[in-house]
Amino acid sequence: MLVGMPLAASGRLPERLATHWSGAGEPDSSMPLWAAAAFPALIWTVLTVGVTLGSRRAGPDSGGAIRGWTGVTLTTGGIFLVGGQASVVRANLDRSDWREAGSVTSLVVATAVVAATAGALAWLATRQEPATQGQAADGPSMDIPEGQRLAWFSRTSNPWLQMTSAGTGLVALTAAVAAVGGLTDPLPALILMAPFALASVLVLGCASVQARVSEEGLKVSFGPLGWPARRWAVQDIESARVDHRTPAQVGGWGYRLSGLGTTVMLRRGECLVVRAKGKDFAVSVDDAERGAALLNSLGAKSPR
């Protein structure tokens, strides 16, 4: 996008583009078209390389914090660069000389707000919830020592669904940037953007899942932000078990309804299955046996 936007609109741009504006909103510096296309891309390259090297040099104990700051840096930096490039292209569009370029203040401010909001969401999406696990269990229950509180936490994601979400989201983002940059009419861009943006959000919400068992019961959260979520109190769960399921058995990937009940299917294999109010709910997460054992033990101690 950084390189493609100015090149795609080259026929409607002057030989040199206004790339800097004074405090009064007047253009006061310019670059050749090729430089205006290459310079933001160079900044993005340096940013990604720096983040990658920093992540590799960080110690293993800082993995969660590094992932959080990596997500924030790349998200805010990428959005700000793309929004800034769209602002530059729009300001220079159909001008015969770069000195006639329009103002970029409103678009830059809007881009900064969007970048900051996206960065906050990226931090929430990459944060890790602290959890402790009880000892391994050989059966469907475990001994909980007196005075101790145990919790079990597991998460699973499907990279193919995440790639599908990223692909549809990229189409929506391209349409939005093209409209902001003045490369196309807003209405056709909106018609293209809306369904792809909706598909991206829905698929992303079904691409990862988190399951947590504690004294409060079972909580299953969806998507990178852990929302929406389903909850079952310990006293409402009749039983918990482990079951081996495949997409063919439940009707596909994602949130599925079938004769086996409700299944969140992100990978074939073991699933944590709970029965509550006569209905089964299953989620495909790792270490499902330990989660089922803890749920059964907590249920045995809970008053019905």
Protein backbone atom coordinates (compact mmCIF):
# COMPACT_ATOMS: atom_id res chain seq x y z
CA MET A 1 0.00 0.00 0.00
CA LEU A 2 2.78 2.44 0.86
CA VAL A 3 4.42 2.01 -2.52
CA GLY A 4 1.34 1.18 -4.53
CA MET A 5 -0.87 4.17 -3.67
CA PRO A 6 1.31 6.92 -5.19
CA LEU A 7 2.28 4.73 -8.15
CA ALA A 8 -1.36 3.86 -8.87
CA ALA A 9 -2.28 7.55 -8.88
CA SER A 10 0.87 8.73 -10.69
CA GLY A 11 -1.12 9.98 -13.69
CA ARG A 12 -2.99 12.41 -11.44
CA LEU A 13 -0.02 13.59 -9.38
CA PRO A 14 2.64 16.26 -10.02
CA GLU A 15 6.26 15.24 -10.65
CA ARG A 16 7.12 16.19 -7.09
CA LEU A 17 4.77 15.59 -4.15
CA ALA A 18 4.29 17.84 -1.16
CA THR A 19 5.42 15.70 1.79
CA HIS A 20 5.67 18.20 4.65
CA TRP A 21 3.40 20.99 5.83
CA SER A 22 4.10 24.00 8.04
CA GLY A 23 2.21 24.78 11.22
CA ALA A 24 -0.11 26.97 9.16
CA GLY A 25 -1.07 24.00 6.99
CA GLU A 26 0.89 25.14 3.91
CA PRO A 27 3.18 22.69 2.07
CA ASP A 28 6.84 23.61 2.59
CA SER A 29 8.78 20.54 1.38
CA SER A 30 8.53 18.04 -1.45
CA MET A 31 9.93 14.77 -2.81
CA PRO A 32 10.02 13.15 -6.23
CA LEU A 33 7.25 10.62 -6.78
CA TRP A 34 9.58 7.62 -6.45
CA ALA A 35 11.00 8.94 -3.18
CA ALA A 36 7.56 9.66 -1.75
CA ALA A 37 6.66 6.03 -2.49
CA ALA A 38 9.91 4.51 -1.21
CA PHE A 39 10.54 6.56 1.95
CA PRO A 40 7.54 5.33 4.01
CA ALA A 41 8.25 1.78 2.85
CA LEU A 42 11.83 2.17 4.09
CA ILE A 43 10.57 3.37 7.48
CA TRP A 44 8.26 0.34 7.70
CA THR A 45 11.13 -2.00 6.81
CA VAL A 46 13.40 -0.52 9.49
CA LEU A 47 10.56 -0.70 12.03
CA THR A 48 9.78 -4.37 11.36
CA VAL A 49 13.45 -5.38 11.35
CA GLY A 50 14.04 -3.53 14.62
CA VAL A 51 11.03 -5.15 16.29
CA THR A 52 12.09 -8.59 15.05
CA LEU A 53 15.65 -8.23 16.33
CA GLY A 54 14.40 -6.85 19.65
CA SER A 55 12.03 -9.78 20.09
CA ARG A 56 14.77 -12.32 19.42
CA ARG A 57 17.17 -10.73 21.89
CA ALA A 58 14.63 -10.52 24.69
CA GLY A 59 14.80 -13.14 27.40
CA PRO A 60 12.23 -15.96 27.62
CA ASP A 61 10.71 -14.52 30.80
CA SER A 62 9.59 -11.41 28.93
CA GLY A 63 7.74 -13.24 26.17
CA GLY A 64 4.27 -11.92 27.05
CA ALA A 65 5.42 -8.31 27.35
CA ILE A 66 7.44 -8.52 24.13
CA ARG A 67 4.43 -9.87 22.22
CA GLY A 68 2.32 -7.05 23.59
CA TRP A 69 4.72 -4.29 22.60
CA THR A 70 5.37 -5.94 19.23
CA GLY A 71 1.66 -5.91 18.46
CA VAL A 72 1.28 -2.30 19.58
CA THR A 73 4.34 -1.09 17.64
CA LEU A 74 3.53 -2.81 14.36
CA THR A 75 -0.19 -2.01 14.51
CA THR A 76 0.15 1.68 15.33
CA GLY A 77 3.17 2.15 13.06
CA GLY A 78 1.55 0.40 10.10
CA ILE A 79 -1.75 2.25 10.36
CA PHE A 80 -0.07 5.61 10.85
CA LEU A 81 2.22 5.11 7.85
CA VAL A 82 -0.60 3.95 5.57
CA GLY A 83 -2.90 6.74 6.74
CA GLY A 84 -0.13 9.31 6.29
CA GLN A 85 0.61 8.07 2.79
CA ALA A 86 -3.09 8.24 1.90
CA SER A 87 -3.17 11.81 3.23
CA VAL A 88 -0.17 12.82 1.10
CA VAL A 89 -1.64 11.27 -2.05
CA ARG A 90 -5.04 12.89 -1.51
CA ALA A 91 -3.51 16.32 -0.83
CA ASN A 92 -1.48 16.19 -4.08
CA LEU A 93 -4.16 14.61 -6.25
CA ASP A 94 -4.96 16.54 -9.47
CA ARG A 95 -2.50 19.35 -8.60
CA SER A 96 -0.14 20.70 -11.24
CA ASP A 97 2.47 21.76 -8.67
CA TRP A 98 3.25 20.47 -5.18
CA ARG A 99 2.93 23.99 -3.74
CA GLU A 100 -0.79 23.84 -4.52
CA ALA A 101 -1.33 20.73 -2.38
CA GLY A 102 -4.21 20.77 0.06
CA SER A 103 -4.09 20.39 3.83
CA VAL A 104 -3.54 17.04 5.53
CA THR A 105 -4.33 18.07 9.10
CA SER A 106 -7.77 16.46 9.46
CA LEU A 107 -6.72 13.14 7.90
CA VAL A 108 -3.51 12.96 9.95
CA VAL A 109 -5.43 13.59 13.18
CA ALA A 110 -8.01 10.95 12.26
CA THR A 111 -5.20 8.52 11.40
CA ALA A 112 -3.53 9.14 14.76
CA VAL A 113 -6.79 8.43 16.61
CA VAL A 114 -7.38 5.20 14.65
CA ALA A 115 -3.76 4.10 15.15
CA ALA A 116 -3.91 4.71 18.89
CA THR A 117 -7.21 2.83 19.21
CA ALA A 118 -5.89 -0.09 17.16
CA GLY A 119 -2.73 -0.15 19.25
CA ALA A 120 -4.79 -0.44 22.44
CA LEU A 121 -6.80 -3.28 20.93
CA ALA A 122 -3.57 -4.98 19.84
CA TRP A 123 -2.28 -4.79 23.41
CA LEU A 124 -5.48 -6.38 24.72
CA ALA A 125 -5.32 -9.08 22.04
CA THR A 126 -1.73 -10.07 22.81
CA ARG A 127 -1.84 -9.89 26.60
CA GLN A 128 -1.73 -13.25 28.36
CA GLU A 129 -3.94 -14.12 31.27
CA PRO A 130 -1.95 -15.50 34.19
CA ALA A 131 -2.97 -18.96 35.24
CA THR A 132 -1.80 -21.81 37.42
CA GLN A 133 -2.34 -25.48 36.76
CA GLY A 134 -2.94 -28.28 39.16
CA GLN A 135 -1.04 -31.54 39.17
CA ALA A 136 -1.59 -34.01 36.35
CA ALA A 137 -4.60 -36.24 36.75
CA ASP A 138 -4.90 -39.87 35.67
CA GLY A 139 -8.69 -39.87 35.63
CA PRO A 140 -11.68 -37.55 35.41
CA SER A 141 -10.99 -36.04 38.85
CA MET A 142 -8.08 -34.80 40.95
CA ASP A 143 -7.32 -34.20 44.59
CA ILE A 144 -7.45 -30.55 45.60
CA PRO A 145 -5.39 -29.99 48.78
CA GLU A 146 -7.14 -28.15 51.57
CA GLY A 147 -6.53 -24.42 51.52
CA GLN A 148 -5.35 -24.37 47.88
CA ARG A 149 -7.08 -22.89 44.89
CA LEU A 150 -6.31 -24.35 41.47
CA ALA A 151 -7.03 -23.01 38.01
CA TRP A 152 -6.58 -24.46 34.54
CA PHE A 153 -6.10 -22.41 31.39
CA SER A 154 -5.74 -23.44 27.75
CA ARG A 155 -6.05 -21.77 24.37
CA THR A 156 -6.13 -22.90 20.74
CA SER A 157 -6.05 -21.03 17.44
CA ASN A 158 -6.53 -22.03 13.83
CA PRO A 159 -3.92 -20.40 11.54
CA TRP A 160 -6.00 -21.03 8.39
CA LEU A 161 -8.96 -19.13 9.81
CA GLN A 162 -6.61 -16.37 10.96
CA MET A 163 -5.15 -16.12 7.44
CA THR A 164 -8.65 -15.98 5.97
CA SER A 165 -9.55 -13.16 8.37
CA ALA A 166 -6.35 -11.30 7.48
CA GLY A 167 -7.03 -11.69 3.74
CA THR A 168 -10.60 -10.40 3.88
CA GLY A 169 -9.51 -7.62 6.22
CA LEU A 170 -6.78 -6.58 3.78
CA VAL A 171 -9.34 -6.26 0.99
CA ALA A 172 -11.53 -4.07 3.22
CA LEU A 173 -8.54 -1.96 4.28
CA THR A 174 -7.41 -1.50 0.68
CA ALA A 175 -10.87 -0.28 -0.32
CA ALA A 176 -10.96 2.13 2.63
CA VAL A 177 -7.48 3.52 1.91
CA ALA A 178 -8.30 3.91 -1.79
CA ALA A 179 -11.38 5.95 -0.86
CA VAL A 180 -9.47 8.08 1.64
CA GLY A 181 -6.67 8.66 -0.86
CA GLY A 182 -9.16 9.77 -3.50
CA LEU A 183 -8.28 6.90 -5.85
CA THR A 184 -11.91 5.79 -6.13
CA ASP A 185 -15.41 7.02 -5.38
CA PRO A 186 -16.49 6.47 -1.75
CA LEU A 187 -19.70 4.57 -2.55
CA PRO A 188 -18.15 1.68 -4.56
CA ALA A 189 -15.38 1.45 -1.95
CA LEU A 190 -17.96 1.21 0.84
CA ILE A 191 -19.92 -1.46 -1.03
CA LEU A 192 -16.73 -3.50 -1.37
CA MET A 193 -15.42 -2.76 2.12
CA ALA A 194 -18.52 -3.56 4.21
CA PRO A 195 -18.94 -7.31 3.48
CA PHE A 196 -15.21 -8.03 3.59
CA ALA A 197 -14.81 -6.14 6.89
CA LEU A 198 -17.76 -8.01 8.40
CA ALA A 199 -16.39 -11.35 7.18
CA SER A 200 -12.96 -10.53 8.62
CA VAL A 201 -14.38 -9.74 12.08
CA LEU A 202 -16.63 -12.81 12.18
CA VAL A 203 -13.91 -15.22 11.03
CA LEU A 204 -11.38 -13.70 13.45
CA GLY A 205 -13.83 -14.20 16.30
CA CYS A 206 -14.00 -17.92 15.50
CA ALA A 207 -10.26 -18.38 14.80
CA SER A 208 -9.09 -18.66 18.42
CA VAL A 209 -10.55 -19.76 21.72
CA GLN A 210 -9.52 -19.65 25.38
CA ALA A 211 -10.85 -21.93 28.10
CA ARG A 212 -10.43 -21.33 31.84
CA VAL A 213 -11.54 -23.50 34.76
CA SER A 214 -11.57 -22.07 38.28
CA GLU A 215 -13.77 -22.11 41.36
CA GLU A 216 -16.17 -19.87 39.44
CA GLY A 217 -16.67 -22.59 36.82
CA LEU A 218 -15.84 -22.72 33.11
CA LYS A 219 -15.28 -19.66 30.94
CA VAL A 220 -14.80 -20.01 27.17
CA SER A 221 -13.71 -16.81 25.40
CA PHE A 222 -13.58 -16.24 21.66
CA GLY A 223 -11.29 -14.18 19.45
CA PRO A 224 -8.05 -12.34 20.22
CA LEU A 225 -9.78 -9.97 22.66
CA GLY A 226 -11.49 -12.76 24.61
CA TRP A 227 -14.93 -11.49 23.69
CA PRO A 228 -17.64 -12.66 23.48
CA ALA A 229 -17.49 -15.35 26.17
CA ARG A 230 -19.68 -18.14 27.51
CA ARG A 231 -19.73 -19.06 31.21
CA TRP A 232 -20.97 -21.99 33.26
CA ALA A 233 -21.03 -21.97 37.06
CA VAL A 234 -19.58 -25.04 38.77
CA GLN A 235 -22.93 -26.02 40.27
CA ASP A 236 -24.58 -25.90 36.83
CA ILE A 237 -22.15 -28.39 35.25
CA GLU A 238 -23.42 -31.96 35.56
CA SER A 239 -20.22 -33.59 34.30
CA ALA A 240 -17.02 -32.97 32.34
CA ARG A 241 -15.17 -35.39 30.11
CA VAL A 242 -12.72 -35.64 27.21
CA ASP A 243 -13.92 -36.61 23.76
CA HIS A 244 -12.05 -37.05 20.46
CA ARG A 245 -13.81 -35.20 17.64
CA THR A 246 -13.11 -34.26 14.03
CA PRO A 247 -14.53 -31.50 11.80
CA ALA A 248 -16.37 -34.14 9.78
CA GLN A 249 -18.26 -35.27 12.89
CA VAL A 250 -19.46 -31.79 13.86
CA GLY A 251 -20.00 -30.29 10.39
CA GLY A 252 -16.87 -28.22 9.81
CA TRP A 253 -14.66 -25.65 11.46
CA GLY A 254 -15.54 -22.88 13.90
CA TYR A 255 -18.68 -22.68 16.06
CA ARG A 256 -20.75 -25.71 15.05
CA LEU A 257 -24.14 -27.14 16.02
CA SER A 258 -24.68 -30.84 15.40
CA GLY A 259 -26.16 -34.00 16.90
CA LEU A 260 -23.25 -33.98 19.35
CA GLY A 261 -24.32 -30.60 20.71
CA THR A 262 -22.32 -27.41 20.36
CA THR A 263 -18.66 -27.74 19.40
CA VAL A 264 -16.00 -25.08 18.98
CA MET A 265 -13.82 -26.90 16.43
CA LEU A 266 -10.44 -25.32 15.72
CA ARG A 267 -8.38 -28.50 15.42
CA ARG A 268 -9.20 -32.18 15.35
CA GLY A 269 -8.47 -34.23 18.45
CA GLU A 270 -9.32 -34.05 22.12
CA CYS A 271 -12.05 -31.72 23.27
CA LEU A 272 -13.21 -30.64 26.70
CA VAL A 273 -16.90 -31.57 26.87
CA VAL A 274 -19.21 -30.32 29.61
CA ARG A 275 -22.84 -31.27 30.16
CA ALA A 276 -25.06 -28.57 31.60
CA LYS A 277 -28.87 -28.56 31.70
CA GLY A 278 -28.91 -31.73 29.63
CA LYS A 279 -26.89 -30.23 26.74
CA ASP A 280 -23.27 -30.83 25.70
CA PHE A 281 -20.76 -28.09 24.90
CA ALA A 282 -17.32 -29.03 23.57
CA VAL A 283 -14.23 -26.96 22.87
CA SER A 284 -11.08 -28.25 21.15
CA VAL A 285 -8.26 -27.24 23.49
CA ASP A 286 -5.04 -28.90 24.63
CA ASP A 287 -4.75 -30.64 28.00
CA ALA A 288 -8.52 -31.16 28.06
CA GLU A 289 -8.26 -34.09 30.51
CA ARG A 290 -6.78 -31.90 33.24
CA GLY A 291 -9.50 -29.30 32.73
CA ALA A 292 -12.23 -31.95 32.93
CA ALA A 293 -10.66 -33.46 36.06
CA LEU A 294 -10.53 -30.10 37.82
CA LEU A 295 -14.12 -29.30 36.87
CA ASN A 296 -15.36 -32.64 38.21
CA SER A 297 -13.44 -32.18 41.46
CA LEU A 298 -14.73 -28.66 41.95
CA GLY A 299 -18.26 -29.87 41.17
CA ALA A 300 -18.02 -32.64 43.78
CA LYS A 301 -17.19 -30.05 46.45
CA SER A 302 -19.79 -27.53 45.33
CA PRO A 303 -23.26 -27.57 46.91
CA ARG A 304 -25.97 -28.41 44.39
